[in-house]
Amino acid sequence: MITTVISSLIIPKFYLFCLMGLFIFTSNFVNSFFILRSVIIRASIPPSPQKVKTGAVNGNIPAKAIAAQAPPASPTLAPA
């Protein structure tokens, strides 16, 4: 009598625990798959031609490009 009560309490909880672990495992797997897919899609998109032309990284223009665009210093303002 006591053993049947104990087994009827423990076994369903064990199955529920297994089902919960399986659910968490599969949801983590599906979630990581979607994250990986979005990363792969983002990596496969080519950068815009404007960023390639200036050599900009994340929209920042490098110092060489800024120096090339600046006008040459006038000789009157140069220190003696």
PDB file of N, CA and C in Angstrom:
ATOM      1  N   MET A   1       0.838  -1.212   0.000  1.00  0.00           N
ATOM      2  CA  MET A   1       0.000   0.000   0.000  1.00  0.00           C
ATOM      3  C   MET A   1       0.871   1.259   0.000  1.00  0.00           C
ATOM      4  N   ILE A   2       1.853   1.306   0.930  1.00  0.00           N
ATOM      5  CA  ILE A   2       2.715   2.496   1.034  1.00  0.00           C
ATOM      6  C   ILE A   2       3.606   2.617  -0.207  1.00  0.00           C
ATOM      7  N   THR A   3       4.106   1.473  -0.692  1.00  0.00           N
ATOM      8  CA  THR A   3       4.987   1.521  -1.865  1.00  0.00           C
ATOM      9  C   THR A   3       4.238   1.994  -3.107  1.00  0.00           C
ATOM     10  N   THR A   4       2.972   1.612  -3.238  1.00  0.00           N
ATOM     11  CA  THR A   4       2.201   2.072  -4.397  1.00  0.00           C
ATOM     12  C   THR A   4       1.947   3.563  -4.321  1.00  0.00           C
ATOM     13  N   VAL A   5       1.728   4.096  -3.124  1.00  0.00           N
ATOM     14  CA  VAL A   5       1.518   5.538  -2.957  1.00  0.00           C
ATOM     15  C   VAL A   5       2.803   6.283  -3.311  1.00  0.00           C
ATOM     16  N   ILE A   6       3.940   5.792  -2.804  1.00  0.00           N
ATOM     17  CA  ILE A   6       5.224   6.449  -3.069  1.00  0.00           C
ATOM     18  C   ILE A   6       5.549   6.403  -4.559  1.00  0.00           C
ATOM     19  N   SER A   7       5.346   5.241  -5.182  1.00  0.00           N
ATOM     20  CA  SER A   7       5.672   5.126  -6.608  1.00  0.00           C
ATOM     21  C   SER A   7       4.724   5.973  -7.455  1.00  0.00           C
ATOM     22  N   SER A   8       3.473   6.085  -7.028  1.00  0.00           N
ATOM     23  CA  SER A   8       2.527   6.907  -7.796  1.00  0.00           C
ATOM     24  C   SER A   8       2.856   8.389  -7.643  1.00  0.00           C
ATOM     25  N   LEU A   9       3.569   8.770  -6.590  1.00  0.00           N
ATOM     26  CA  LEU A   9       3.978  10.167  -6.420  1.00  0.00           C
ATOM     27  C   LEU A   9       5.296  10.460  -7.124  1.00  0.00           C
ATOM     28  N   ILE A  10       6.240   9.521  -7.049  1.00  0.00           N
ATOM     29  CA  ILE A  10       7.598   9.781  -7.556  1.00  0.00           C
ATOM     30  C   ILE A  10       7.653   9.642  -9.075  1.00  0.00           C
ATOM     31  N   ILE A  11       7.082   8.579  -9.641  1.00  0.00           N
ATOM     32  CA  ILE A  11       7.230   8.290 -11.078  1.00  0.00           C
ATOM     33  C   ILE A  11       6.642   9.414 -11.948  1.00  0.00           C
ATOM     34  N   PRO A  12       5.425   9.929 -11.682  1.00  0.00           N
ATOM     35  CA  PRO A  12       4.938  11.032 -12.527  1.00  0.00           C
ATOM     36  C   PRO A  12       5.814  12.273 -12.427  1.00  0.00           C
ATOM     37  N   LYS A  13       6.362  12.554 -11.243  1.00  0.00           N
ATOM     38  CA  LYS A  13       7.252  13.710 -11.096  1.00  0.00           C
ATOM     39  C   LYS A  13       8.535  13.502 -11.896  1.00  0.00           C
ATOM     40  N   PHE A  14       9.021  12.270 -11.927  1.00  0.00           N
ATOM     41  CA  PHE A  14      10.230  11.975 -12.692  1.00  0.00           C
ATOM     42  C   PHE A  14       9.975  12.187 -14.181  1.00  0.00           C
ATOM     43  N   TYR A  15       8.826  11.690 -14.664  1.00  0.00           N
ATOM     44  CA  TYR A  15       8.485  11.898 -16.072  1.00  0.00           C
ATOM     45  C   TYR A  15       8.307  13.371 -16.387  1.00  0.00           C
ATOM     46  N   LEU A  16       7.665  14.099 -15.468  1.00  0.00           N
ATOM     47  CA  LEU A  16       7.470  15.535 -15.660  1.00  0.00           C
ATOM     48  C   LEU A  16       8.824  16.247 -15.711  1.00  0.00           C
ATOM     49  N   PHE A  17       9.747  15.832 -14.831  1.00  0.00           N
ATOM     50  CA  PHE A  17      11.084  16.418 -14.809  1.00  0.00           C
ATOM     51  C   PHE A  17      11.811  16.151 -16.132  1.00  0.00           C
ATOM     52  N   CYS A  18      11.677  14.912 -16.642  1.00  0.00           N
ATOM     53  CA  CYS A  18      12.318  14.568 -17.926  1.00  0.00           C
ATOM     54  C   CYS A  18      11.717  15.391 -19.060  1.00  0.00           C
ATOM     55  N   LEU A  19      10.397  15.523 -19.057  1.00  0.00           N
ATOM     56  CA  LEU A  19       9.749  16.307 -20.103  1.00  0.00           C
ATOM     57  C   LEU A  19      10.176  17.760 -20.031  1.00  0.00           C
ATOM     58  N   MET A  20      10.305  18.299 -18.812  1.00  0.00           N
ATOM     59  CA  MET A  20      10.716  19.690 -18.651  1.00  0.00           C
ATOM     60  C   MET A  20      12.155  19.879 -19.151  1.00  0.00           C
ATOM     61  N   GLY A  21      13.038  18.940 -18.811  1.00  0.00           N
ATOM     62  CA  GLY A  21      14.417  19.014 -19.283  1.00  0.00           C
ATOM     63  C   GLY A  21      14.498  18.919 -20.799  1.00  0.00           C
ATOM     64  N   LEU A  22      13.677  18.051 -21.374  1.00  0.00           N
ATOM     65  CA  LEU A  22      13.640  17.916 -22.830  1.00  0.00           C
ATOM     66  C   LEU A  22      13.138  19.201 -23.478  1.00  0.00           C
ATOM     67  N   PHE A  23      12.127  19.798 -22.877  1.00  0.00           N
ATOM     68  CA  PHE A  23      11.574  21.052 -23.412  1.00  0.00           C
ATOM     69  C   PHE A  23      12.607  22.168 -23.354  1.00  0.00           C
ATOM     70  N   ILE A  24      13.310  22.282 -22.214  1.00  0.00           N
ATOM     71  CA  ILE A  24      14.336  23.329 -22.069  1.00  0.00           C
ATOM     72  C   ILE A  24      15.464  23.099 -23.072  1.00  0.00           C
ATOM     73  N   PHE A  25      15.875  21.833 -23.235  1.00  0.00           N
ATOM     74  CA  PHE A  25      16.957  21.514 -24.172  1.00  0.00           C
ATOM     75  C   PHE A  25      16.570  21.880 -25.597  1.00  0.00           C
ATOM     76  N   THR A  26      15.356  21.488 -26.003  1.00  0.00           N
ATOM     77  CA  THR A  26      14.943  21.763 -27.384  1.00  0.00           C
ATOM     78  C   THR A  26      14.740  23.258 -27.605  1.00  0.00           C
ATOM     79  N   SER A  27      14.212  23.970 -26.612  1.00  0.00           N
ATOM     80  CA  SER A  27      14.006  25.411 -26.788  1.00  0.00           C
ATOM     81  C   SER A  27      15.350  26.132 -26.879  1.00  0.00           C
ATOM     82  N   ASN A  28      16.328  25.695 -26.087  1.00  0.00           N
ATOM     83  CA  ASN A  28      17.669  26.289 -26.186  1.00  0.00           C
ATOM     84  C   ASN A  28      18.286  26.012 -27.550  1.00  0.00           C
ATOM     85  N   PHE A  29      18.100  24.797 -28.044  1.00  0.00           N
ATOM     86  CA  PHE A  29      18.664  24.432 -29.337  1.00  0.00           C
ATOM     87  C   PHE A  29      18.040  25.268 -30.454  1.00  0.00           C
ATOM     88  N   VAL A  30      16.701  25.414 -30.410  1.00  0.00           N
ATOM     89  CA  VAL A  30      16.002  26.192 -31.439  1.00  0.00           C
ATOM     90  C   VAL A  30      16.421  27.652 -31.359  1.00  0.00           C
ATOM     91  N   ASN A  31      16.541  28.177 -30.119  1.00  0.00           N
ATOM     92  CA  ASN A  31      16.928  29.578 -29.919  1.00  0.00           C
ATOM     93  C   ASN A  31      18.334  29.827 -30.468  1.00  0.00           C
ATOM     94  N   SER A  32      19.272  28.936 -30.166  1.00  0.00           N
ATOM     95  CA  SER A  32      20.644  29.119 -30.657  1.00  0.00           C
ATOM     96  C   SER A  32      20.691  28.990 -32.176  1.00  0.00           C
ATOM     97  N   PHE A  33      19.819  28.147 -32.739  1.00  0.00           N
ATOM     98  CA  PHE A  33      19.772  28.018 -34.194  1.00  0.00           C
ATOM     99  C   PHE A  33      19.334  29.335 -34.828  1.00  0.00           C
ATOM    100  N   PHE A  34      18.308  29.979 -34.248  1.00  0.00           N
ATOM    101  CA  PHE A  34      17.837  31.241 -34.815  1.00  0.00           C
ATOM    102  C   PHE A  34      18.882  32.346 -34.649  1.00  0.00           C
ATOM    103  N   ILE A  35      19.593  32.346 -33.524  1.00  0.00           N
ATOM    104  CA  ILE A  35      20.645  33.351 -33.312  1.00  0.00           C
ATOM    105  C   ILE A  35      21.770  33.139 -34.327  1.00  0.00           C
ATOM    106  N   LEU A  36      22.179  31.887 -34.525  1.00  0.00           N
ATOM    107  CA  LEU A  36      23.225  31.589 -35.507  1.00  0.00           C
ATOM    108  C   LEU A  36      22.788  31.980 -36.907  1.00  0.00           C
ATOM    109  N   ARG A  37      21.515  31.707 -37.222  1.00  0.00           N
ATOM    110  CA  ARG A  37      21.015  32.039 -38.553  1.00  0.00           C
ATOM    111  C   ARG A  37      21.052  33.549 -38.793  1.00  0.00           C
ATOM    112  N   SER A  38      20.663  34.328 -37.773  1.00  0.00           N
ATOM    113  CA  SER A  38      20.681  35.786 -37.943  1.00  0.00           C
ATOM    114  C   SER A  38      22.112  36.299 -38.091  1.00  0.00           C
ATOM    115  N   VAL A  39      23.059  35.686 -37.369  1.00  0.00           N
ATOM    116  CA  VAL A  39      24.464  36.098 -37.489  1.00  0.00           C
ATOM    117  C   VAL A  39      24.988  35.765 -38.881  1.00  0.00           C
ATOM    118  N   ILE A  40      24.629  34.580 -39.399  1.00  0.00           N
ATOM    119  CA  ILE A  40      25.089  34.184 -40.736  1.00  0.00           C
ATOM    120  C   ILE A  40      24.486  35.105 -41.790  1.00  0.00           C
ATOM    121  N   ILE A  41      23.200  35.433 -41.630  1.00  0.00           N
ATOM    122  CA  ILE A  41      22.551  36.327 -42.600  1.00  0.00           C
ATOM    123  C   ILE A  41      23.217  37.700 -42.564  1.00  0.00           C
ATOM    124  N   ARG A  42      23.511  38.208 -41.353  1.00  0.00           N
ATOM    125  CA  ARG A  42      24.147  39.521 -41.236  1.00  0.00           C
ATOM    126  C   ARG A  42      25.548  39.510 -41.848  1.00  0.00           C
ATOM    127  N   ALA A  43      26.273  38.403 -41.673  1.00  0.00           N
ATOM    128  CA  ALA A  43      27.633  38.324 -42.212  1.00  0.00           C
ATOM    129  C   ALA A  43      27.621  38.184 -43.732  1.00  0.00           C
ATOM    130  N   SER A  44      26.537  37.631 -44.287  1.00  0.00           N
ATOM    131  CA  SER A  44      26.510  37.427 -45.733  1.00  0.00           C
ATOM    132  C   SER A  44      26.084  38.683 -46.488  1.00  0.00           C
ATOM    133  N   ILE A  45      25.541  39.683 -45.789  1.00  0.00           N
ATOM    134  CA  ILE A  45      25.149  40.930 -46.462  1.00  0.00           C
ATOM    135  C   ILE A  45      26.418  41.725 -46.757  1.00  0.00           C
ATOM    136  N   PRO A  46      26.675  42.085 -48.003  1.00  0.00           N
ATOM    137  CA  PRO A  46      27.890  42.861 -48.292  1.00  0.00           C
ATOM    138  C   PRO A  46      27.775  44.278 -47.756  1.00  0.00           C
ATOM    139  N   PRO A  47      28.867  44.888 -47.326  1.00  0.00           N
ATOM    140  CA  PRO A  47      28.809  46.257 -46.834  1.00  0.00           C
ATOM    141  C   PRO A  47      28.461  47.234 -47.946  1.00  0.00           C
ATOM    142  N   SER A  48      27.938  48.392 -47.565  1.00  0.00           N
ATOM    143  CA  SER A  48      27.523  49.373 -48.568  1.00  0.00           C
ATOM    144  C   SER A  48      28.752  49.911 -49.301  1.00  0.00           C
ATOM    145  N   PRO A  49      28.634  50.276 -50.590  1.00  0.00           N
ATOM    146  CA  PRO A  49      29.806  50.729 -51.340  1.00  0.00           C
ATOM    147  C   PRO A  49      30.418  52.010 -50.778  1.00  0.00           C
ATOM    148  N   GLN A  50      29.607  52.835 -50.110  1.00  0.00           N
ATOM    149  CA  GLN A  50      30.147  54.083 -49.544  1.00  0.00           C
ATOM    150  C   GLN A  50      31.163  53.772 -48.441  1.00  0.00           C
ATOM    151  N   LYS A  51      30.839  52.804 -47.586  1.00  0.00           N
ATOM    152  CA  LYS A  51      31.769  52.442 -46.522  1.00  0.00           C
ATOM    153  C   LYS A  51      33.025  51.789 -47.087  1.00  0.00           C
ATOM    154  N   VAL A  52      32.874  51.024 -48.173  1.00  0.00           N
ATOM    155  CA  VAL A  52      34.038  50.387 -48.787  1.00  0.00           C
ATOM    156  C   VAL A  52      34.960  51.445 -49.388  1.00  0.00           C
ATOM    157  N   LYS A  53      34.373  52.478 -49.988  1.00  0.00           N
ATOM    158  CA  LYS A  53      35.148  53.521 -50.660  1.00  0.00           C
ATOM    159  C   LYS A  53      36.001  54.312 -49.659  1.00  0.00           C
ATOM    160  N   THR A  54      35.413  54.696 -48.525  1.00  0.00           N
ATOM    161  CA  THR A  54      36.155  55.498 -47.550  1.00  0.00           C
ATOM    162  C   THR A  54      36.999  54.629 -46.628  1.00  0.00           C
ATOM    163  N   GLY A  55      36.758  53.313 -46.640  1.00  0.00           N
ATOM    164  CA  GLY A  55      37.456  52.448 -45.701  1.00  0.00           C
ATOM    165  C   GLY A  55      36.939  52.630 -44.293  1.00  0.00           C
ATOM    166  N   ALA A  56      35.680  53.072 -44.163  1.00  0.00           N
ATOM    167  CA  ALA A  56      35.124  53.357 -42.847  1.00  0.00           C
ATOM    168  C   ALA A  56      34.759  52.062 -42.139  1.00  0.00           C
ATOM    169  N   VAL A  57      34.943  52.062 -40.829  1.00  0.00           N
ATOM    170  CA  VAL A  57      34.534  50.948 -39.990  1.00  0.00           C
ATOM    171  C   VAL A  57      33.419  51.456 -39.087  1.00  0.00           C
ATOM    172  N   ASN A  58      32.244  50.858 -39.203  1.00  0.00           N
ATOM    173  CA  ASN A  58      31.064  51.258 -38.434  1.00  0.00           C
ATOM    174  C   ASN A  58      30.739  52.748 -38.626  1.00  0.00           C
ATOM    175  N   GLY A  59      30.964  53.269 -39.815  1.00  0.00           N
ATOM    176  CA  GLY A  59      30.605  54.649 -40.112  1.00  0.00           C
ATOM    177  C   GLY A  59      31.654  55.666 -39.724  1.00  0.00           C
ATOM    178  N   ASN A  60      32.764  55.242 -39.117  1.00  0.00           N
ATOM    179  CA  ASN A  60      33.820  56.179 -38.719  1.00  0.00           C
ATOM    180  C   ASN A  60      34.823  56.334 -39.848  1.00  0.00           C
ATOM    181  N   ILE A  61      35.062  57.558 -40.266  1.00  0.00           N
ATOM    182  CA  ILE A  61      36.025  57.812 -41.343  1.00  0.00           C
ATOM    183  C   ILE A  61      37.424  57.798 -40.730  1.00  0.00           C
ATOM    184  N   PRO A  62      38.359  57.031 -41.295  1.00  0.00           N
ATOM    185  CA  PRO A  62      39.712  57.000 -40.730  1.00  0.00           C
ATOM    186  C   PRO A  62      40.430  58.339 -40.875  1.00  0.00           C
ATOM    187  N   ALA A  63      41.468  58.517 -40.059  1.00  0.00           N
ATOM    188  CA  ALA A  63      42.183  59.796 -40.003  1.00  0.00           C
ATOM    189  C   ALA A  63      42.871  60.117 -41.331  1.00  0.00           C
ATOM    190  N   LYS A  64      43.346  59.099 -42.052  1.00  0.00           N
ATOM    191  CA  LYS A  64      44.012  59.351 -43.345  1.00  0.00           C
ATOM    192  C   LYS A  64      43.043  59.988 -44.345  1.00  0.00           C
ATOM    193  N   ALA A  65      41.798  59.505 -44.348  1.00  0.00           N
ATOM    194  CA  ALA A  65      40.804  60.048 -45.272  1.00  0.00           C
ATOM    195  C   ALA A  65      40.470  61.488 -44.901  1.00  0.00           C
ATOM    196  N   ILE A  66      40.406  61.783 -43.585  1.00  0.00           N
ATOM    197  CA  ILE A  66      40.122  63.162 -43.152  1.00  0.00           C
ATOM    198  C   ILE A  66      41.283  64.070 -43.534  1.00  0.00           C
ATOM    199  N   ALA A  67      42.522  63.602 -43.355  1.00  0.00           N
ATOM    200  CA  ALA A  67      43.693  64.414 -43.687  1.00  0.00           C
ATOM    201  C   ALA A  67      43.779  64.667 -45.195  1.00  0.00           C
ATOM    202  N   ALA A  68      43.349  63.679 -46.000  1.00  0.00           N
ATOM    203  CA  ALA A  68      43.398  63.851 -47.451  1.00  0.00           C
ATOM    204  C   ALA A  68      42.360  64.869 -47.920  1.00  0.00           C
ATOM    205  N   GLN A  69      41.234  64.989 -47.193  1.00  0.00           N
ATOM    206  CA  GLN A  69      40.187  65.926 -47.592  1.00  0.00           C
ATOM    207  C   GLN A  69      40.498  67.359 -47.153  1.00  0.00           C
ATOM    208  N   ALA A  70      41.331  67.520 -46.129  1.00  0.00           N
ATOM    209  CA  ALA A  70      41.614  68.858 -45.607  1.00  0.00           C
ATOM    210  C   ALA A  70      42.447  69.643 -46.607  1.00  0.00           C
ATOM    211  N   PRO A  71      42.217  70.962 -46.747  1.00  0.00           N
ATOM    212  CA  PRO A  71      43.036  71.778 -47.657  1.00  0.00           C
ATOM    213  C   PRO A  71      44.455  71.926 -47.111  1.00  0.00           C
ATOM    214  N   PRO A  72      45.428  72.116 -47.961  1.00  0.00           N
ATOM    215  CA  PRO A  72      46.805  72.279 -47.469  1.00  0.00           C
ATOM    216  C   PRO A  72      46.933  73.556 -46.641  1.00  0.00           C
ATOM    217  N   ALA A  73      47.795  73.530 -45.642  1.00  0.00           N
ATOM    218  CA  ALA A  73      47.971  74.689 -44.767  1.00  0.00           C
ATOM    219  C   ALA A  73      48.585  75.847 -45.552  1.00  0.00           C
ATOM    220  N   SER A  74      48.074  77.058 -45.308  1.00  0.00           N
ATOM    221  CA  SER A  74      48.594  78.223 -46.045  1.00  0.00           C
ATOM    222  C   SER A  74      49.963  78.606 -45.483  1.00  0.00           C
ATOM    223  N   PRO A  75      50.863  79.042 -46.322  1.00  0.00           N
ATOM    224  CA  PRO A  75      52.228  79.366 -45.848  1.00  0.00           C
ATOM    225  C   PRO A  75      52.251  80.563 -44.896  1.00  0.00           C
ATOM    226  N   THR A  76      51.246  81.459 -44.944  1.00  0.00           N
ATOM    227  CA  THR A  76      51.263  82.626 -44.054  1.00  0.00           C
ATOM    228  C   THR A  76      50.964  82.237 -42.615  1.00  0.00           C
ATOM    229  N   LEU A  77      50.187  81.144 -42.408  1.00  0.00           N
ATOM    230  CA  LEU A  77      49.838  80.734 -41.050  1.00  0.00           C
ATOM    231  C   LEU A  77      50.855  79.764 -40.470  1.00  0.00           C
ATOM    232  N   ALA A  78      51.807  79.303 -41.275  1.00  0.00           N
ATOM    233  CA  ALA A  78      52.784  78.334 -40.789  1.00  0.00           C
ATOM    234  C   ALA A  78      53.737  79.011 -39.809  1.00  0.00           C
ATOM    235  N   PRO A  79      54.089  78.337 -38.727  1.00  0.00           N
ATOM    236  CA  PRO A  79      55.026  78.947 -37.761  1.00  0.00           C
ATOM    237  C   PRO A  79      56.417  79.110 -38.363  1.00  0.00           C
ATOM    238  N   ALA A  80      57.093  80.157 -37.966  1.00  0.00           N
ATOM    239  CA  ALA A  80      58.413  80.461 -38.536  1.00  0.00           C
ATOM    240  C   ALA A  80      59.469  79.530 -37.961  1.00  0.00           C
TER     241      ALA A  80
END
